């Protein structure tokens, strides 16, 4: 034990004397020893004396009562179901900066309110739309433009690679990857082992992933987190092309990116509890995407079954070949250049579908918004459009069997087998027929 660690432990013993001993407090104390030692060494590097460095590290602790209460709150959250979104609690007041109930105020100016952010011309956020630097960087419904141009690739942020681990897969039938606060990127590897690369803003082996394995299942979890500061964590998951089973990736706070993944036997399930989910250049067997607080975007996807569900955001896909089930609880559902069939639903927004080729039934509905369908006439199908409040319209050559301002029933081509339906409670329904 170094002289610095001895001094830190002695000082912590004095602080913890007023609390009842428990396993949780012992674990907290050990984490604090590690974090305070690391912070002290940083302070020494900055030129402080040993005593000044230790005191400065302890000053960053703040109120120990609040810290222990925060740890207790986190422990209570960890016992809840992993499918439950974390609830944000406690207010923070630093000078003129107030953070409370989803709002951020600086003096009398509201900087953040729900999903809206405005800091002059520097930063504007409204739902899925972002404007940085008065238009220099713009994100509109998932489309990114930098100085008016679309970047060709999105790369891993410039964090240091601090940990890389490989896992054999030959006996595995399921893989779980679970992180609390990290962004995940999933790609393929031509090797025969699963590789997990961890990029972090601070390097400490306590923060590295932990893993456990049964006979046929591997679970990878995020390591410890520092108590004195926030660290940025990005994780790269490389899946072997010969892995023929299922993988689930789950992060509570961070986005998920799936790209350049070709494995026609893989079943992939990704879940982000607070962040977006994106996919590009994906060809796999089954694909499930879920975002509890964020949008879902995808392009160039081929899979037998595709399910995408955003609980609070839009779903926008392009160039997809699949049997699809796309849902949103609070945003629009859009599909461009689709090949396949499926169900498309939103509780509060529009549904816009453009199919290049039909292989089955299509059902589109919304409770509050319009429905627009663009379908080819190369495959015969029946259609039924109706709205409770709005107009139903068909553009193109079709046989109308029953027609009215709020409904259109008919078919396209001879001997139709597929059924196309469009329904809304409040809005218009339109079917555009394209040769």
Protein backbone atom coordinates (compact mmCIF):
# COMPACT_ATOMS: atom_id res chain seq x y z
CA UNK A 1 0.00 0.00 0.00
CA UNK A 2 1.45 3.37 -1.02
CA UNK A 3 1.70 6.37 1.28
CA UNK A 4 -1.00 8.13 -0.76
CA UNK A 5 -3.42 5.20 -0.47
CA UNK A 6 -2.78 5.00 3.30
CA UNK A 7 -3.65 8.68 3.73
CA UNK A 8 -6.78 8.31 1.59
CA UNK A 9 -7.99 5.26 3.53
CA UNK A 10 -7.39 7.03 6.85
CA UNK A 11 -9.37 10.05 5.69
CA UNK A 12 -12.21 7.84 4.39
CA UNK A 13 -12.32 5.92 7.69
CA UNK A 14 -12.99 9.21 9.47
CA UNK A 15 -15.76 10.15 7.03
CA UNK A 16 -17.46 6.73 7.20
CA UNK A 17 -17.48 6.57 11.02
CA UNK A 18 -20.94 8.17 11.17
CA UNK A 19 -22.55 5.51 8.93
CA UNK A 20 -23.72 2.03 9.87
CA UNK A 21 -21.40 -0.62 8.40
CA UNK A 22 -22.77 -2.60 5.45
CA UNK A 23 -21.56 -4.58 2.46
CA UNK A 24 -22.66 -1.79 0.14
CA UNK A 25 -20.69 0.86 2.06
CA UNK A 26 -17.61 -1.36 2.09
CA UNK A 27 -17.82 -1.74 -1.70
CA UNK A 28 -18.39 2.01 -2.06
CA UNK A 29 -15.37 2.73 0.10
CA UNK A 30 -13.12 0.49 -2.03
CA UNK A 31 -14.32 2.20 -5.21
CA UNK A 32 -13.64 5.60 -3.65
CA UNK A 33 -10.12 4.53 -2.70
CA UNK A 34 -9.40 3.64 -6.31
CA UNK A 35 -11.01 6.79 -7.78
CA UNK A 36 -9.46 9.13 -5.19
CA UNK A 37 -6.03 7.60 -5.75
CA UNK A 38 -6.37 8.11 -9.49
CA UNK A 39 -7.56 11.70 -9.02
CA UNK A 40 -4.71 12.40 -6.59
CA UNK A 41 -2.13 11.14 -9.08
CA UNK A 42 -3.66 13.40 -11.74
CA UNK A 43 -3.34 16.35 -9.35
CA UNK A 44 0.29 15.48 -8.62
CA UNK A 45 0.96 15.50 -12.36
CA UNK A 46 -0.53 19.01 -12.46
CA UNK A 47 2.09 20.16 -9.92
CA UNK A 48 0.23 20.01 -6.61
CA UNK A 49 1.88 18.86 -3.42
CA UNK A 50 0.82 15.48 -2.04
CA UNK A 51 -1.47 16.92 0.65
CA UNK A 52 -2.98 19.45 -1.76
CA UNK A 53 -3.56 16.71 -4.33
CA UNK A 54 -5.37 14.50 -1.81
CA UNK A 55 -7.50 17.35 -0.47
CA UNK A 56 -8.44 18.46 -4.00
CA UNK A 57 -9.54 14.91 -4.83
CA UNK A 58 -11.71 14.79 -1.70
CA UNK A 59 -13.18 18.18 -2.51
CA UNK A 60 -14.59 16.67 -5.69
CA UNK A 61 -16.59 14.20 -3.60
CA UNK A 62 -18.99 16.90 -2.48
CA UNK A 63 -21.54 15.91 0.13
CA UNK A 64 -20.98 12.27 1.15
CA UNK A 65 -24.61 11.90 2.27
CA UNK A 66 -25.80 12.78 -1.24
CA UNK A 67 -23.25 10.43 -2.78
CA UNK A 68 -24.41 7.50 -0.64
CA UNK A 69 -28.05 8.28 -1.44
CA UNK A 70 -27.16 8.34 -5.14
CA UNK A 71 -25.54 4.91 -4.84
CA UNK A 72 -28.62 3.58 -3.05
CA UNK A 73 -30.82 4.95 -5.83
CA UNK A 74 -28.67 3.26 -8.48
CA UNK A 75 -28.86 -0.04 -6.62
CA UNK A 76 -32.64 0.22 -6.54
CA UNK A 77 -32.67 0.86 -10.28
CA UNK A 78 -30.44 -2.15 -10.97
CA UNK A 79 -32.98 -4.47 -9.37
CA UNK A 80 -35.68 -3.37 -11.79
CA UNK A 81 -36.35 -5.13 -15.09
CA UNK A 82 -33.79 -4.39 -17.80
CA UNK A 83 -36.73 -3.57 -20.07
CA UNK A 84 -37.73 -0.56 -17.91
CA UNK A 85 -36.41 2.85 -18.86
CA UNK A 86 -34.47 4.61 -16.09
CA UNK A 87 -36.33 7.44 -14.46
CA UNK A 88 -34.41 10.69 -14.17
CA UNK A 89 -34.60 12.15 -10.71
CA UNK A 90 -33.08 14.75 -8.38
CA UNK A 91 -32.50 18.35 -9.29
CA UNK A 92 -29.11 19.99 -9.73
CA UNK A 93 -28.38 23.64 -8.97
CA UNK A 94 -24.95 25.08 -9.78
CA UNK A 95 -24.82 28.85 -9.57
CA UNK A 96 -27.33 30.18 -12.12
CA UNK A 97 -27.63 26.75 -13.75
CA UNK A 98 -30.75 24.78 -12.77
CA UNK A 99 -31.51 21.23 -13.95
CA UNK A 100 -34.87 19.92 -12.83
CA UNK A 101 -37.72 17.83 -14.25
CA UNK A 102 -36.25 17.58 -17.74
CA UNK A 103 -35.58 21.34 -17.98
CA UNK A 104 -32.26 23.18 -18.00
CA UNK A 105 -32.26 26.90 -17.20
CA UNK A 106 -29.41 29.41 -17.08
CA UNK A 107 -30.71 32.39 -15.20
CA UNK A 108 -33.99 33.34 -16.87
CA UNK A 109 -33.18 31.58 -20.16
CA UNK A 110 -34.53 28.07 -20.81
CA UNK A 111 -31.86 26.06 -22.63
CA UNK A 112 -33.52 22.63 -22.57
CA UNK A 113 -37.20 21.74 -22.26
CA UNK A 114 -38.09 18.13 -22.99
CA UNK A 115 -36.77 17.29 -26.46
CA UNK A 116 -36.12 20.94 -27.36
CA UNK A 117 -32.77 22.68 -26.93
CA UNK A 118 -31.85 26.21 -27.98
CA UNK A 119 -28.58 28.02 -27.32
CA UNK A 120 -28.71 30.99 -29.67
CA UNK A 121 -27.42 30.11 -33.15
CA UNK A 122 -24.86 27.70 -31.71
CA UNK A 123 -27.23 24.78 -31.06
CA UNK A 124 -30.88 24.08 -31.79
CA UNK A 125 -32.53 20.72 -31.16
CA UNK A 126 -36.19 19.93 -31.79
CA UNK A 127 -36.96 16.24 -31.50
CA UNK A 128 -34.96 14.42 -34.17
CA UNK A 129 -33.81 17.65 -35.86
CA UNK A 130 -30.49 19.27 -34.90
CA UNK A 131 -28.82 22.49 -36.10
CA UNK A 132 -25.25 23.22 -34.99
CA UNK A 133 -23.34 26.37 -35.87
CA UNK A 134 -26.22 28.12 -37.68
CA UNK A 135 -26.58 25.34 -40.25
CA UNK A 136 -22.97 24.12 -40.48
CA UNK A 137 -24.08 20.70 -39.18
CA UNK A 138 -27.73 19.77 -39.71
CA UNK A 139 -29.58 16.58 -38.84
CA UNK A 140 -33.11 16.27 -40.26
CA UNK A 141 -35.00 13.04 -39.63
CA UNK A 142 -31.71 11.16 -39.39
CA UNK A 143 -30.10 12.69 -42.50
CA UNK A 144 -26.75 14.28 -41.58
CA UNK A 145 -25.24 17.14 -43.57
CA UNK A 146 -21.95 18.88 -42.80
CA UNK A 147 -21.56 22.24 -44.55
CA UNK A 148 -24.35 21.19 -46.90
CA UNK A 149 -22.81 17.82 -47.81
CA UNK A 150 -23.63 14.29 -46.67
CA UNK A 151 -20.63 12.47 -45.13
CA UNK A 152 -19.88 9.10 -46.70
CA UNK A 153 -19.19 7.29 -43.40
CA UNK A 154 -19.69 7.70 -39.68
CA UNK A 155 -16.62 6.61 -37.72
CA UNK A 156 -15.91 5.67 -34.11
CA UNK A 157 -15.24 8.83 -32.11
CA UNK A 158 -11.64 9.60 -31.24
CA UNK A 159 -11.47 7.77 -27.92
CA UNK A 160 -8.54 5.60 -26.93
CA UNK A 161 -8.88 1.84 -27.34
CA UNK A 162 -8.30 0.65 -23.76
CA UNK A 163 -9.54 -2.93 -23.84
CA UNK A 164 -10.01 -5.62 -26.47
CA UNK A 165 -11.20 -9.13 -25.67
CA UNK A 166 -11.99 -12.14 -27.85
CA UNK A 167 -14.45 -14.94 -27.08
CA UNK A 168 -14.79 -18.37 -28.77
CA UNK A 169 -18.23 -18.92 -30.32
CA UNK A 170 -18.26 -22.52 -31.49
CA UNK A 171 -20.41 -23.79 -28.57
CA UNK A 172 -22.62 -20.70 -28.20
CA UNK A 173 -26.26 -20.40 -29.21
CA UNK A 174 -26.93 -16.98 -27.62
CA UNK A 175 -24.86 -13.91 -26.75
CA UNK A 176 -25.96 -11.03 -24.46
CA UNK A 177 -24.16 -7.68 -24.50
CA UNK A 178 -25.45 -5.34 -21.76
CA UNK A 179 -24.15 -1.82 -21.05
CA UNK A 180 -25.51 0.88 -18.74
CA UNK A 181 -24.11 4.00 -20.41
CA UNK A 182 -22.26 3.39 -23.65
CA UNK A 183 -22.82 3.73 -27.37
CA UNK A 184 -22.57 0.45 -29.24
CA UNK A 185 -21.38 -0.21 -32.78
CA UNK A 186 -21.95 -3.67 -34.25
CA UNK A 187 -20.01 -4.91 -37.28
CA UNK A 188 -18.74 -8.19 -38.68
CA UNK A 189 -15.35 -9.85 -38.53
CA UNK A 190 -13.94 -12.55 -40.78
CA UNK A 191 -12.32 -14.23 -37.78
CA UNK A 192 -13.82 -17.07 -35.78
CA UNK A 193 -14.11 -15.28 -32.41
CA UNK A 194 -16.42 -12.58 -31.06
CA UNK A 195 -14.36 -9.44 -30.42
CA UNK A 196 -15.38 -6.62 -28.09
CA UNK A 197 -13.35 -3.39 -28.23
CA UNK A 198 -13.87 -0.77 -25.52
CA UNK A 199 -12.94 2.87 -26.15
CA UNK A 200 -12.92 5.17 -23.10
CA UNK A 201 -11.97 8.70 -22.12
CA UNK A 202 -10.18 7.32 -19.02
CA UNK A 203 -8.28 4.05 -18.71
CA UNK A 204 -8.78 1.90 -15.63
CA UNK A 205 -9.11 -1.87 -15.67
CA UNK A 206 -12.02 -1.60 -13.19
CA UNK A 207 -14.05 -0.09 -16.03
CA UNK A 208 -13.41 -3.02 -18.38
CA UNK A 209 -16.19 -5.42 -19.35
CA UNK A 210 -17.13 -8.41 -17.24
CA UNK A 211 -18.28 -11.71 -18.70
CA UNK A 212 -19.94 -14.93 -17.64
CA UNK A 213 -20.71 -18.05 -19.61
CA UNK A 214 -22.90 -21.10 -19.29
CA UNK A 215 -22.76 -24.14 -21.54
CA UNK A 216 -24.23 -22.38 -24.58
CA UNK A 217 -24.69 -18.72 -23.55
CA UNK A 218 -22.25 -15.84 -23.12
CA UNK A 219 -23.12 -12.63 -21.24
CA UNK A 220 -20.96 -9.51 -21.45
CA UNK A 221 -21.66 -6.62 -19.05
CA UNK A 222 -20.21 -3.18 -18.56
CA UNK A 223 -17.58 -2.93 -15.83
CA UNK A 224 -17.54 -0.49 -12.92
CA UNK A 225 -18.10 3.22 -13.40
CA UNK A 226 -16.14 5.96 -11.60
CA UNK A 227 -18.02 7.82 -8.90
CA UNK A 228 -16.17 11.12 -9.16
CA UNK A 229 -16.49 11.87 -12.85
CA UNK A 230 -18.25 10.88 -16.04
CA UNK A 231 -16.41 8.85 -18.66
CA UNK A 232 -17.30 8.48 -22.32
CA UNK A 233 -17.54 4.87 -23.44
CA UNK A 234 -17.87 3.53 -26.98
CA UNK A 235 -18.02 -0.19 -27.62
CA UNK A 236 -17.35 -2.01 -30.86
CA UNK A 237 -18.81 -5.51 -31.19
CA UNK A 238 -17.39 -7.61 -34.02
CA UNK A 239 -19.48 -10.68 -34.88
CA UNK A 240 -17.92 -13.58 -36.82
CA UNK A 241 -19.55 -14.25 -40.18
CA UNK A 242 -19.86 -17.93 -39.26
CA UNK A 243 -21.86 -17.33 -36.05
CA UNK A 244 -25.24 -18.89 -36.86
CA UNK A 245 -27.30 -18.07 -33.76
CA UNK A 246 -28.66 -15.07 -31.82
CA UNK A 247 -27.16 -11.97 -30.23
CA UNK A 248 -28.85 -9.27 -28.15
CA UNK A 249 -27.20 -5.88 -27.55
CA UNK A 250 -28.75 -3.59 -24.91
CA UNK A 251 -27.69 -0.16 -23.68
CA UNK A 252 -29.59 1.96 -21.17
CA UNK A 253 -28.02 5.26 -22.18
CA UNK A 254 -26.44 5.48 -25.61
CA UNK A 255 -27.12 4.97 -29.28
CA UNK A 256 -26.69 1.75 -31.23
CA UNK A 257 -25.21 1.60 -34.71
CA UNK A 258 -25.29 -1.58 -36.83
CA UNK A 259 -23.32 -1.32 -40.05
CA UNK A 260 -21.54 -3.44 -42.66
CA UNK A 261 -22.90 -6.66 -41.19
CA UNK A 262 -23.40 -9.61 -43.55
CA UNK A 263 -24.35 -12.89 -41.88
CA UNK A 264 -27.43 -14.58 -43.33
CA UNK A 265 -27.78 -16.93 -40.34
CA UNK A 266 -27.57 -14.31 -37.58
CA UNK A 267 -30.57 -13.29 -35.46
CA UNK A 268 -29.87 -9.83 -34.04
CA UNK A 269 -31.85 -7.91 -31.40
CA UNK A 270 -30.73 -4.38 -30.40
CA UNK A 271 -32.32 -2.22 -27.70
CA UNK A 272 -31.51 1.37 -26.73
CA UNK A 273 -33.38 2.70 -23.69
CA UNK A 274 -32.19 6.29 -24.17
CA UNK A 275 -30.78 6.92 -27.62
CA UNK A 276 -31.31 6.23 -31.30
CA UNK A 277 -30.87 2.98 -33.20
CA UNK A 278 -29.39 3.04 -36.70
CA UNK A 279 -28.56 0.37 -39.27
CA UNK A 280 -26.84 0.47 -42.66
CA UNK A 281 -25.62 -2.23 -45.04
CA UNK A 282 -27.10 -5.14 -43.07
CA UNK A 283 -27.89 -8.60 -44.42
CA UNK A 284 -28.91 -11.08 -41.71
CA UNK A 285 -31.61 -13.66 -40.92
CA UNK A 286 -33.76 -11.77 -38.39
CA UNK A 287 -33.43 -8.19 -37.17
CA UNK A 288 -35.18 -6.49 -34.23
CA UNK A 289 -34.56 -2.84 -33.36
CA UNK A 290 -36.13 -1.05 -30.38
CA UNK A 291 -35.60 2.49 -29.09
CA UNK A 292 -37.42 3.64 -25.96
CA UNK A 293 -36.40 7.29 -26.27
CA UNK A 294 -35.06 7.96 -29.73
CA UNK A 295 -35.61 7.42 -33.42
CA UNK A 296 -34.82 4.42 -35.62
CA UNK A 297 -33.20 4.84 -39.02
CA UNK A 298 -31.95 2.28 -41.50
CA UNK A 299 -30.76 1.87 -45.08
CA UNK A 300 -29.83 -1.07 -47.30
CA UNK A 301 -31.23 -3.85 -45.11
CA UNK A 302 -32.00 -7.42 -46.20
CA UNK A 303 -33.52 -9.83 -43.69
CA UNK A 304 -36.27 -12.44 -43.55
CA UNK A 305 -38.07 -10.62 -40.71
CA UNK A 306 -37.56 -7.03 -39.60
CA UNK A 307 -39.20 -5.50 -36.52
CA UNK A 308 -38.56 -1.86 -35.56
CA UNK A 309 -40.33 -0.15 -32.64
CA UNK A 310 -39.69 3.39 -31.41
CA UNK A 311 -41.55 4.25 -28.21
CA UNK A 312 -40.86 7.97 -28.59
CA UNK A 313 -39.56 8.89 -32.03
CA UNK A 314 -39.82 8.26 -35.73
CA UNK A 315 -39.04 5.14 -37.76
CA UNK A 316 -37.49 5.84 -41.17
CA UNK A 317 -36.08 3.11 -43.43
CA UNK A 318 -34.83 3.04 -47.01
CA UNK A 319 -34.03 0.19 -49.40
CA UNK A 320 -35.33 -2.64 -47.24
CA UNK A 321 -36.14 -6.18 -48.37
CA UNK A 322 -38.10 -8.04 -45.71
CA UNK A 323 -41.35 -8.99 -44.06
CA UNK A 324 -41.64 -5.87 -41.89
CA UNK A 325 -43.32 -4.79 -38.66
CA UNK A 326 -42.66 -1.08 -38.10
CA UNK A 327 -44.22 0.76 -35.14
CA UNK A 328 -43.96 4.11 -33.42
CA UNK A 329 -45.78 5.40 -30.35
CA UNK A 330 -45.01 9.06 -30.95
CA UNK A 331 -43.66 9.74 -34.42
CA UNK A 332 -43.93 9.05 -38.11
CA UNK A 333 -43.28 5.77 -39.93
CA UNK A 334 -41.58 6.04 -43.33
CA UNK A 335 -40.37 3.47 -45.83
CA UNK A 336 -38.72 4.24 -49.16
CA UNK A 337 -37.87 1.66 -51.83
CA UNK A 338 -39.33 -1.26 -49.92
CA UNK A 339 -39.42 -4.81 -51.22
CA UNK A 340 -41.65 -7.18 -49.30
CA UNK A 341 -44.72 -6.74 -47.12
CA UNK A 342 -45.73 -6.05 -43.54
CA UNK A 343 -47.55 -4.03 -40.90
CA UNK A 344 -46.92 -0.33 -40.30
CA UNK A 345 -48.45 1.49 -37.34
CA UNK A 346 -48.07 4.73 -35.42
CA UNK A 347 -50.17 6.18 -32.61
CA UNK A 348 -49.41 9.81 -33.40
CA UNK A 349 -47.94 10.65 -36.79
CA UNK A 350 -48.07 9.94 -40.49
CA UNK A 351 -47.37 6.70 -42.35
CA UNK A 352 -45.63 7.00 -45.73
CA UNK A 353 -44.75 3.85 -47.63
CA UNK A 354 -43.09 3.47 -51.02
CA UNK A 355 -42.76 -0.09 -52.34
CA UNK A 356 -40.79 -1.12 -55.40
CA UNK A 357 -42.08 -4.69 -55.18
CA UNK A 358 -44.80 -6.47 -53.17
CA UNK A 359 -44.46 -10.01 -51.86
CA UNK A 360 -47.42 -10.07 -49.46
CA UNK A 361 -50.06 -8.08 -47.59
CA UNK A 362 -49.52 -4.47 -46.47
CA UNK A 363 -51.42 -2.91 -43.54
CA UNK A 364 -50.85 0.75 -42.67
CA UNK A 365 -52.70 2.64 -39.94
CA UNK A 366 -52.39 5.64 -37.66
CA UNK A 367 -54.61 7.13 -34.98
CA UNK A 368 -53.73 10.74 -35.79
CA UNK A 369 -52.12 11.55 -39.13
CA UNK A 370 -52.20 10.79 -42.82
CA UNK A 371 -51.48 7.55 -44.68
CA UNK A 372 -49.76 7.68 -48.09
CA UNK A 373 -49.03 4.53 -50.07
CA UNK A 374 -47.05 4.32 -53.32
CA UNK A 375 -47.28 0.82 -54.82
CA UNK A 376 -46.30 -0.79 -58.12
CA UNK A 377 -48.96 -2.27 -60.39
CA UNK A 378 -46.78 -5.20 -61.47
CA UNK A 379 -48.36 -7.46 -58.82
CA UNK A 380 -52.19 -7.71 -58.50
CA UNK A 381 -53.68 -6.79 -55.10
CA UNK A 382 -56.92 -5.81 -53.38
CA UNK A 383 -57.05 -2.53 -51.50
CA UNK A 384 -59.22 -0.94 -48.84
CA UNK A 385 -58.74 2.65 -47.71
CA UNK A 386 -60.79 4.44 -45.06
CA UNK A 387 -60.63 7.42 -42.74
CA UNK A 388 -62.84 8.61 -39.89
CA UNK A 389 -62.08 12.27 -40.57
CA UNK A 390 -60.58 13.14 -43.96
CA UNK A 391 -60.58 12.03 -47.57
CA UNK A 392 -59.61 8.75 -49.22
CA UNK A 393 -58.16 8.92 -52.72
CA UNK A 394 -56.68 6.60 -55.38
CA UNK A 395 -54.38 7.95 -58.10
CA UNK A 396 -53.83 5.63 -61.05
CA UNK A 397 -55.60 2.85 -62.90
CA UNK A 398 -57.64 0.66 -60.55
CA UNK A 399 -61.02 -1.05 -60.39
CA UNK A 400 -63.15 0.68 -57.75
CA UNK A 401 -65.78 -1.61 -56.22
CA UNK A 402 -67.03 0.77 -53.50
CA UNK A 403 -66.15 4.43 -53.45
CA UNK A 404 -66.87 7.44 -51.27
CA UNK A 405 -65.15 10.54 -49.96
CA UNK A 406 -63.91 8.70 -46.85
CA UNK A 407 -63.35 5.22 -48.28
CA UNK A 408 -62.07 3.47 -51.40
CA UNK A 409 -62.36 -0.30 -51.97
CA UNK A 410 -61.14 -2.06 -55.09
CA UNK A 411 -58.34 -3.97 -56.74
CA UNK A 412 -55.40 -3.63 -59.12
CA UNK A 413 -54.72 -6.19 -61.85
CA UNK A 414 -56.35 -9.55 -62.41
CA UNK A 415 -56.74 -12.34 -59.86
CA UNK A 416 -55.28 -10.42 -56.89
CA UNK A 417 -53.95 -12.40 -53.93
CA UNK A 418 -52.49 -9.71 -51.68
CA UNK A 419 -54.45 -7.32 -49.45
CA UNK A 420 -53.45 -3.67 -48.98
CA UNK A 421 -55.18 -1.59 -46.28
CA UNK A 422 -54.77 2.02 -45.19
CA UNK A 423 -56.63 3.38 -42.19
CA UNK A 424 -56.58 6.57 -40.09
CA UNK A 425 -58.86 8.07 -37.48
CA UNK A 426 -57.91 11.66 -38.30
CA UNK A 427 -56.31 12.50 -41.65
CA UNK A 428 -56.29 11.63 -45.32
CA UNK A 429 -55.54 8.30 -46.99
CA UNK A 430 -53.96 8.20 -50.44
CA UNK A 431 -52.90 5.36 -52.73
CA UNK A 432 -50.60 6.24 -55.63
CA UNK A 433 -50.26 3.51 -58.27
CA UNK A 434 -46.95 3.47 -60.14
CA UNK A 435 -46.16 1.52 -63.30
